[in-house]
N, C-alpha and C. Protein backbone atom coordinates (compact mmCIF):
# COMPACT_ATOMS: atom_id res chain seq x y z
N MET A 1 -3.68 -10.62 0.40
CA MET A 1 -4.74 -9.87 -0.21
C MET A 1 -5.36 -10.75 -1.29
N ASP A 2 -6.67 -10.99 -1.18
CA ASP A 2 -7.35 -11.89 -2.10
C ASP A 2 -7.36 -11.38 -3.53
N GLY A 3 -7.97 -10.24 -3.75
CA GLY A 3 -8.05 -9.70 -5.10
C GLY A 3 -7.23 -8.44 -5.22
N CYS A 4 -7.02 -8.03 -6.44
CA CYS A 4 -6.18 -6.86 -6.67
C CYS A 4 -6.98 -5.63 -7.10
N PHE A 5 -8.27 -5.78 -7.41
CA PHE A 5 -9.05 -4.67 -7.94
C PHE A 5 -10.37 -4.52 -7.18
N SER A 6 -10.80 -3.27 -7.02
CA SER A 6 -12.07 -2.95 -6.37
C SER A 6 -12.80 -1.90 -7.19
N TYR A 7 -14.11 -1.76 -6.93
CA TYR A 7 -14.91 -0.77 -7.64
C TYR A 7 -15.51 0.24 -6.68
N SER A 8 -15.90 1.37 -7.24
CA SER A 8 -16.51 2.44 -6.45
C SER A 8 -17.50 3.20 -7.33
N PHE A 9 -18.51 3.77 -6.68
CA PHE A 9 -19.44 4.63 -7.40
C PHE A 9 -19.19 6.10 -7.08
N ASP A 10 -18.35 6.37 -6.06
CA ASP A 10 -18.08 7.75 -5.67
C ASP A 10 -16.59 8.12 -5.69
N ARG A 11 -15.76 7.20 -6.10
CA ARG A 11 -14.30 7.37 -6.19
C ARG A 11 -13.63 7.49 -4.81
N GLU A 12 -14.37 7.24 -3.75
CA GLU A 12 -13.81 7.32 -2.41
C GLU A 12 -13.92 5.99 -1.66
N THR A 13 -15.09 5.37 -1.76
CA THR A 13 -15.34 4.11 -1.05
C THR A 13 -15.29 2.98 -2.06
N PHE A 14 -14.31 2.11 -1.92
CA PHE A 14 -14.13 1.01 -2.87
C PHE A 14 -14.59 -0.30 -2.24
N HIS A 15 -15.17 -1.16 -3.08
CA HIS A 15 -15.76 -2.41 -2.61
C HIS A 15 -15.21 -3.59 -3.42
N GLY A 16 -15.21 -4.75 -2.78
CA GLY A 16 -14.89 -5.99 -3.46
C GLY A 16 -13.40 -6.22 -3.66
N ASN A 17 -13.10 -7.47 -3.96
CA ASN A 17 -11.74 -7.91 -4.26
C ASN A 17 -11.81 -8.80 -5.49
N SER A 18 -11.47 -8.26 -6.63
CA SER A 18 -11.53 -9.02 -7.87
C SER A 18 -10.13 -9.24 -8.42
N ASP A 19 -9.97 -10.32 -9.14
CA ASP A 19 -8.65 -10.65 -9.70
C ASP A 19 -8.26 -9.76 -10.87
N THR A 20 -9.25 -9.29 -11.62
CA THR A 20 -8.94 -8.45 -12.77
C THR A 20 -9.78 -7.17 -12.73
N ARG A 21 -9.36 -6.19 -13.48
CA ARG A 21 -10.10 -4.94 -13.59
C ARG A 21 -11.49 -5.20 -14.20
N GLN A 22 -11.54 -6.07 -15.20
CA GLN A 22 -12.81 -6.40 -15.86
C GLN A 22 -13.77 -7.09 -14.89
N ASP A 23 -13.27 -7.98 -14.04
CA ASP A 23 -14.13 -8.64 -13.04
C ASP A 23 -14.69 -7.62 -12.05
N ALA A 24 -13.89 -6.66 -11.65
CA ALA A 24 -14.36 -5.62 -10.73
C ALA A 24 -15.46 -4.79 -11.39
N LEU A 25 -15.27 -4.45 -12.66
CA LEU A 25 -16.29 -3.69 -13.40
C LEU A 25 -17.57 -4.51 -13.52
N LYS A 26 -17.44 -5.79 -13.80
CA LYS A 26 -18.61 -6.67 -13.92
C LYS A 26 -19.35 -6.72 -12.58
N ASN A 27 -18.64 -6.83 -11.47
CA ASN A 27 -19.28 -6.85 -10.15
C ASN A 27 -20.00 -5.54 -9.87
N ALA A 28 -19.42 -4.43 -10.27
CA ALA A 28 -20.05 -3.12 -10.09
C ALA A 28 -21.34 -3.03 -10.90
N LEU A 29 -21.30 -3.51 -12.13
CA LEU A 29 -22.50 -3.47 -12.99
C LEU A 29 -23.61 -4.32 -12.40
N GLU A 30 -23.27 -5.46 -11.80
CA GLU A 30 -24.27 -6.31 -11.15
C GLU A 30 -24.86 -5.62 -9.92
N LYS A 31 -24.05 -4.85 -9.23
CA LYS A 31 -24.47 -4.16 -8.02
C LYS A 31 -25.39 -2.98 -8.32
N LEU A 32 -25.36 -2.46 -9.54
CA LEU A 32 -26.18 -1.31 -9.92
C LEU A 32 -27.67 -1.54 -9.65
N ASN A 33 -28.15 -2.76 -9.86
CA ASN A 33 -29.56 -3.07 -9.67
C ASN A 33 -30.01 -2.87 -8.23
N GLU A 34 -29.09 -2.96 -7.29
CA GLU A 34 -29.43 -2.83 -5.88
C GLU A 34 -29.42 -1.38 -5.39
N LEU A 35 -28.92 -0.46 -6.21
CA LEU A 35 -28.81 0.94 -5.80
C LEU A 35 -30.10 1.70 -6.06
N SER A 36 -30.44 2.60 -5.16
CA SER A 36 -31.64 3.42 -5.36
C SER A 36 -31.39 4.52 -6.39
N ASP A 37 -30.21 5.11 -6.38
CA ASP A 37 -29.82 6.14 -7.36
C ASP A 37 -28.73 5.56 -8.25
N SER A 38 -28.91 5.72 -9.54
CA SER A 38 -27.91 5.22 -10.46
C SER A 38 -26.79 6.24 -10.63
N PRO A 39 -25.57 5.85 -10.35
CA PRO A 39 -24.44 6.78 -10.54
C PRO A 39 -24.15 6.96 -12.02
N GLU A 40 -23.37 7.98 -12.34
CA GLU A 40 -22.99 8.22 -13.72
C GLU A 40 -21.72 7.50 -14.11
N MET A 41 -20.93 7.18 -13.10
CA MET A 41 -19.61 6.62 -13.38
C MET A 41 -19.30 5.47 -12.41
N ILE A 42 -18.55 4.50 -12.91
CA ILE A 42 -17.99 3.43 -12.08
C ILE A 42 -16.48 3.61 -12.10
N TYR A 43 -15.89 3.55 -10.94
CA TYR A 43 -14.44 3.68 -10.82
C TYR A 43 -13.87 2.33 -10.41
N VAL A 44 -12.82 1.91 -11.08
CA VAL A 44 -12.14 0.66 -10.74
C VAL A 44 -10.69 1.00 -10.45
N GLY A 45 -10.21 0.54 -9.30
CA GLY A 45 -8.84 0.83 -8.90
C GLY A 45 -8.09 -0.40 -8.45
N LYS A 46 -6.81 -0.29 -8.52
CA LYS A 46 -5.92 -1.38 -8.08
C LYS A 46 -5.64 -1.23 -6.59
N ARG A 47 -5.79 -2.30 -5.84
CA ARG A 47 -5.54 -2.34 -4.41
C ARG A 47 -4.05 -2.61 -4.18
N VAL A 48 -3.39 -1.71 -3.45
CA VAL A 48 -1.96 -1.82 -3.19
C VAL A 48 -1.73 -1.72 -1.68
N PRO A 49 -1.00 -2.67 -1.09
CA PRO A 49 -0.74 -2.57 0.34
C PRO A 49 0.05 -1.30 0.66
N ILE A 50 -0.24 -0.69 1.81
CA ILE A 50 0.52 0.50 2.17
C ILE A 50 1.90 0.11 2.69
N ASP A 51 2.83 1.03 2.55
CA ASP A 51 4.20 0.81 3.00
C ASP A 51 4.21 0.70 4.52
N PRO A 52 4.76 -0.39 5.07
CA PRO A 52 4.77 -0.55 6.52
C PRO A 52 5.84 0.30 7.22
N GLY A 53 6.60 1.06 6.46
CA GLY A 53 7.62 1.92 7.07
C GLY A 53 8.89 1.19 7.44
N ALA A 54 9.16 0.07 6.78
CA ALA A 54 10.32 -0.74 7.12
C ALA A 54 11.56 -0.38 6.31
N SER A 55 11.44 0.54 5.37
CA SER A 55 12.60 0.87 4.54
C SER A 55 13.17 2.23 4.93
N GLY A 56 14.41 2.45 4.54
CA GLY A 56 15.06 3.74 4.77
C GLY A 56 15.41 4.01 6.22
N LEU A 57 15.65 2.98 6.99
CA LEU A 57 15.91 3.15 8.42
C LEU A 57 17.40 3.09 8.79
N SER A 58 18.26 2.82 7.82
CA SER A 58 19.67 2.59 8.15
C SER A 58 20.33 3.80 8.80
N GLU A 59 20.06 5.00 8.31
CA GLU A 59 20.69 6.18 8.90
C GLU A 59 20.24 6.38 10.35
N LEU A 60 18.97 6.11 10.64
CA LEU A 60 18.47 6.21 12.01
C LEU A 60 19.15 5.19 12.92
N VAL A 61 19.31 3.97 12.42
CA VAL A 61 19.94 2.91 13.22
C VAL A 61 21.41 3.25 13.48
N ILE A 62 22.11 3.68 12.45
CA ILE A 62 23.53 4.04 12.63
C ILE A 62 23.67 5.20 13.61
N SER A 63 22.81 6.18 13.49
CA SER A 63 22.85 7.32 14.41
C SER A 63 22.61 6.87 15.85
N ALA A 64 21.64 5.99 16.05
CA ALA A 64 21.36 5.47 17.40
C ALA A 64 22.55 4.67 17.93
N MET A 65 23.18 3.88 17.07
CA MET A 65 24.35 3.10 17.49
C MET A 65 25.49 4.03 17.90
N ARG A 66 25.71 5.07 17.12
CA ARG A 66 26.78 6.03 17.44
C ARG A 66 26.51 6.70 18.79
N ARG A 67 25.25 7.09 19.03
CA ARG A 67 24.90 7.71 20.31
C ARG A 67 25.14 6.76 21.47
N ARG A 68 24.76 5.50 21.30
CA ARG A 68 24.95 4.53 22.38
C ARG A 68 26.41 4.34 22.72
N VAL A 69 27.25 4.22 21.69
CA VAL A 69 28.70 4.06 21.93
C VAL A 69 29.25 5.33 22.57
N HIS A 70 28.83 6.47 22.10
CA HIS A 70 29.28 7.74 22.68
C HIS A 70 28.89 7.82 24.16
N ASP A 71 27.65 7.44 24.48
CA ASP A 71 27.19 7.45 25.87
C ASP A 71 27.96 6.45 26.73
N GLU A 72 28.34 5.33 26.12
CA GLU A 72 29.04 4.27 26.85
C GLU A 72 30.48 4.66 27.19
N ILE A 73 31.17 5.22 26.20
CA ILE A 73 32.60 5.48 26.44
C ILE A 73 32.96 6.95 26.40
N GLY A 74 31.97 7.81 26.21
CA GLY A 74 32.27 9.24 26.17
C GLY A 74 32.70 9.68 24.79
N GLY A 75 33.27 10.83 24.71
CA GLY A 75 33.64 11.43 23.44
C GLY A 75 34.90 10.90 22.82
N ASN A 76 35.48 9.83 23.35
CA ASN A 76 36.74 9.30 22.83
C ASN A 76 36.59 8.58 21.50
N GLU A 77 35.40 8.18 21.12
CA GLU A 77 35.21 7.39 19.90
C GLU A 77 34.35 8.18 18.91
N ARG A 78 34.87 9.26 18.39
CA ARG A 78 34.12 10.13 17.47
C ARG A 78 34.06 9.58 16.04
N GLU A 79 34.94 8.67 15.69
CA GLU A 79 35.00 8.15 14.32
C GLU A 79 34.11 6.93 14.10
N TYR A 80 33.51 6.40 15.15
CA TYR A 80 32.71 5.18 15.04
C TYR A 80 31.57 5.36 14.03
N LEU A 81 31.55 4.55 13.01
CA LEU A 81 30.55 4.51 11.94
C LEU A 81 30.42 5.83 11.17
N MET A 82 31.50 6.59 11.12
CA MET A 82 31.47 7.87 10.39
C MET A 82 31.81 7.71 8.91
N ARG A 83 32.40 6.61 8.53
CA ARG A 83 32.85 6.44 7.15
C ARG A 83 32.02 5.38 6.41
N ILE A 84 30.72 5.39 6.64
CA ILE A 84 29.83 4.47 5.94
C ILE A 84 29.59 5.02 4.54
N ASN A 85 29.82 4.19 3.52
CA ASN A 85 29.57 4.65 2.15
C ASN A 85 28.14 4.30 1.70
N GLU A 86 27.75 4.79 0.54
CA GLU A 86 26.39 4.59 0.04
C GLU A 86 26.05 3.12 -0.16
N HIS A 87 27.02 2.34 -0.62
CA HIS A 87 26.80 0.90 -0.82
C HIS A 87 26.50 0.22 0.51
N GLN A 88 27.28 0.53 1.53
CA GLN A 88 27.07 -0.06 2.85
C GLN A 88 25.72 0.37 3.43
N LEU A 89 25.37 1.63 3.24
CA LEU A 89 24.09 2.14 3.73
C LEU A 89 22.92 1.44 3.02
N ALA A 90 23.03 1.28 1.71
CA ALA A 90 21.99 0.58 0.95
C ALA A 90 21.87 -0.87 1.36
N ASP A 91 23.02 -1.51 1.62
CA ASP A 91 23.03 -2.91 2.07
C ASP A 91 22.32 -3.04 3.41
N LEU A 92 22.62 -2.13 4.33
CA LEU A 92 21.97 -2.16 5.64
C LEU A 92 20.47 -1.89 5.49
N ASP A 93 20.09 -0.93 4.66
CA ASP A 93 18.67 -0.65 4.41
C ASP A 93 17.94 -1.89 3.92
N GLU A 94 18.53 -2.56 2.94
CA GLU A 94 17.91 -3.75 2.36
C GLU A 94 17.72 -4.84 3.42
N ASN A 95 18.74 -5.08 4.21
CA ASN A 95 18.66 -6.13 5.23
C ASN A 95 17.69 -5.77 6.35
N LEU A 96 17.72 -4.52 6.80
CA LEU A 96 16.78 -4.10 7.84
C LEU A 96 15.34 -4.23 7.35
N SER A 97 15.09 -3.80 6.13
CA SER A 97 13.75 -3.88 5.56
C SER A 97 13.26 -5.32 5.50
N ARG A 98 14.12 -6.22 5.03
CA ARG A 98 13.75 -7.64 4.93
C ARG A 98 13.44 -8.21 6.30
N ILE A 99 14.27 -7.91 7.30
CA ILE A 99 14.08 -8.45 8.65
C ILE A 99 12.82 -7.87 9.29
N ILE A 100 12.62 -6.58 9.17
CA ILE A 100 11.45 -5.94 9.79
C ILE A 100 10.17 -6.41 9.12
N THR A 101 10.17 -6.50 7.80
CA THR A 101 8.98 -6.97 7.08
C THR A 101 8.65 -8.41 7.48
N GLY A 102 9.65 -9.26 7.59
CA GLY A 102 9.44 -10.64 8.03
C GLY A 102 8.88 -10.69 9.44
N TRP A 103 9.40 -9.86 10.31
CA TRP A 103 8.92 -9.80 11.70
C TRP A 103 7.46 -9.34 11.75
N LEU A 104 7.13 -8.31 10.96
CA LEU A 104 5.75 -7.83 10.91
C LEU A 104 4.80 -8.93 10.43
N GLU A 105 5.21 -9.65 9.41
CA GLU A 105 4.37 -10.73 8.87
C GLU A 105 4.24 -11.88 9.85
N ARG A 106 5.34 -12.25 10.49
CA ARG A 106 5.34 -13.37 11.43
C ARG A 106 4.37 -13.14 12.59
N TYR A 107 4.30 -11.93 13.08
CA TYR A 107 3.43 -11.62 14.22
C TYR A 107 2.13 -10.93 13.80
N LYS A 108 1.86 -10.95 12.49
CA LYS A 108 0.64 -10.37 11.94
C LYS A 108 0.45 -8.92 12.42
N LEU A 109 1.52 -8.14 12.31
CA LEU A 109 1.52 -6.74 12.72
C LEU A 109 1.56 -5.77 11.54
N ALA A 110 1.64 -6.31 10.33
CA ALA A 110 1.71 -5.45 9.15
C ALA A 110 0.39 -4.69 9.00
N PRO A 111 0.44 -3.49 8.46
CA PRO A 111 -0.80 -2.73 8.25
C PRO A 111 -1.76 -3.50 7.36
N SER A 112 -3.03 -3.48 7.70
CA SER A 112 -4.02 -4.21 6.92
C SER A 112 -4.69 -3.32 5.88
N HIS A 113 -4.46 -2.03 5.94
CA HIS A 113 -5.08 -1.12 4.99
C HIS A 113 -4.39 -1.19 3.63
N VAL A 114 -5.14 -0.79 2.63
CA VAL A 114 -4.59 -0.70 1.28
C VAL A 114 -4.88 0.70 0.74
N LYS A 115 -4.15 1.07 -0.28
CA LYS A 115 -4.48 2.30 -0.98
C LYS A 115 -4.91 1.90 -2.38
N ILE A 116 -5.73 2.75 -2.96
CA ILE A 116 -6.24 2.48 -4.30
C ILE A 116 -5.49 3.36 -5.29
N THR A 117 -4.90 2.73 -6.28
CA THR A 117 -4.15 3.46 -7.30
C THR A 117 -4.69 3.07 -8.68
N ALA A 118 -4.17 3.73 -9.70
CA ALA A 118 -4.50 3.41 -11.10
C ALA A 118 -6.01 3.30 -11.30
N ILE A 119 -6.71 4.35 -10.89
CA ILE A 119 -8.18 4.34 -10.98
C ILE A 119 -8.61 4.63 -12.42
N SER A 120 -9.44 3.74 -12.93
CA SER A 120 -10.01 3.95 -14.27
C SER A 120 -11.48 4.33 -14.12
N GLU A 121 -11.99 5.10 -15.06
CA GLU A 121 -13.38 5.57 -15.04
C GLU A 121 -14.16 4.88 -16.16
N HIS A 122 -15.36 4.42 -15.81
CA HIS A 122 -16.20 3.71 -16.76
C HIS A 122 -17.61 4.28 -16.68
N PRO A 123 -18.11 4.91 -17.74
CA PRO A 123 -19.48 5.44 -17.70
C PRO A 123 -20.49 4.32 -17.48
N VAL A 124 -21.50 4.61 -16.67
CA VAL A 124 -22.56 3.64 -16.44
C VAL A 124 -23.41 3.57 -17.69
N PRO A 125 -23.61 2.36 -18.22
CA PRO A 125 -24.43 2.26 -19.43
C PRO A 125 -25.89 2.63 -19.12
N HIS A 126 -26.51 3.38 -20.04
CA HIS A 126 -27.90 3.76 -19.86
C HIS A 126 -28.77 2.57 -20.19
N PRO A 127 -29.85 2.40 -19.43
CA PRO A 127 -30.75 1.26 -19.73
C PRO A 127 -31.37 1.42 -21.11
N SER A 128 -31.55 0.32 -21.78
CA SER A 128 -32.10 0.38 -23.14
C SER A 128 -33.59 0.70 -23.07
N MET A 129 -34.12 1.21 -24.14
CA MET A 129 -35.54 1.54 -24.21
C MET A 129 -36.39 0.29 -24.03
N ALA A 130 -35.95 -0.81 -24.61
CA ALA A 130 -36.72 -2.06 -24.52
C ALA A 130 -36.78 -2.53 -23.07
N ARG A 131 -35.75 -2.28 -22.35
CA ARG A 131 -35.70 -2.74 -20.97
C ARG A 131 -36.67 -1.96 -20.08
N SER A 132 -36.83 -0.66 -20.36
CA SER A 132 -37.71 0.15 -19.53
C SER A 132 -39.18 -0.10 -19.82
N GLU A 133 -39.50 -0.64 -20.97
CA GLU A 133 -40.89 -0.92 -21.32
C GLU A 133 -41.34 -2.15 -20.66
């Protein structure tokens, strides 16, 4: 992601990729001259990548593994992976997340969308009297 901040005039559609909040505001102010209607407010938000869903999968994986072993050998192995503690579960979560995220990046499959957070509001400055004359 090139820049971390974008601007909006309606708080819904954000434009641009600026390195700082101030740069995004400056770009919005420059863009005002091109608009037919002057908005009352400029919104600047931080661009954050969306979660690719790679975390919190350990319980699903363990459950699938247990089902596969159960299907393979029948009901004789009921204790398989039943005594996983929180530390082991967290360790598996961390490793699965790292591997899946790397795989997504390697094959360029990660979500390309971003969400906008930490939106700040900036009133549009009114044109000066000297400027309108």
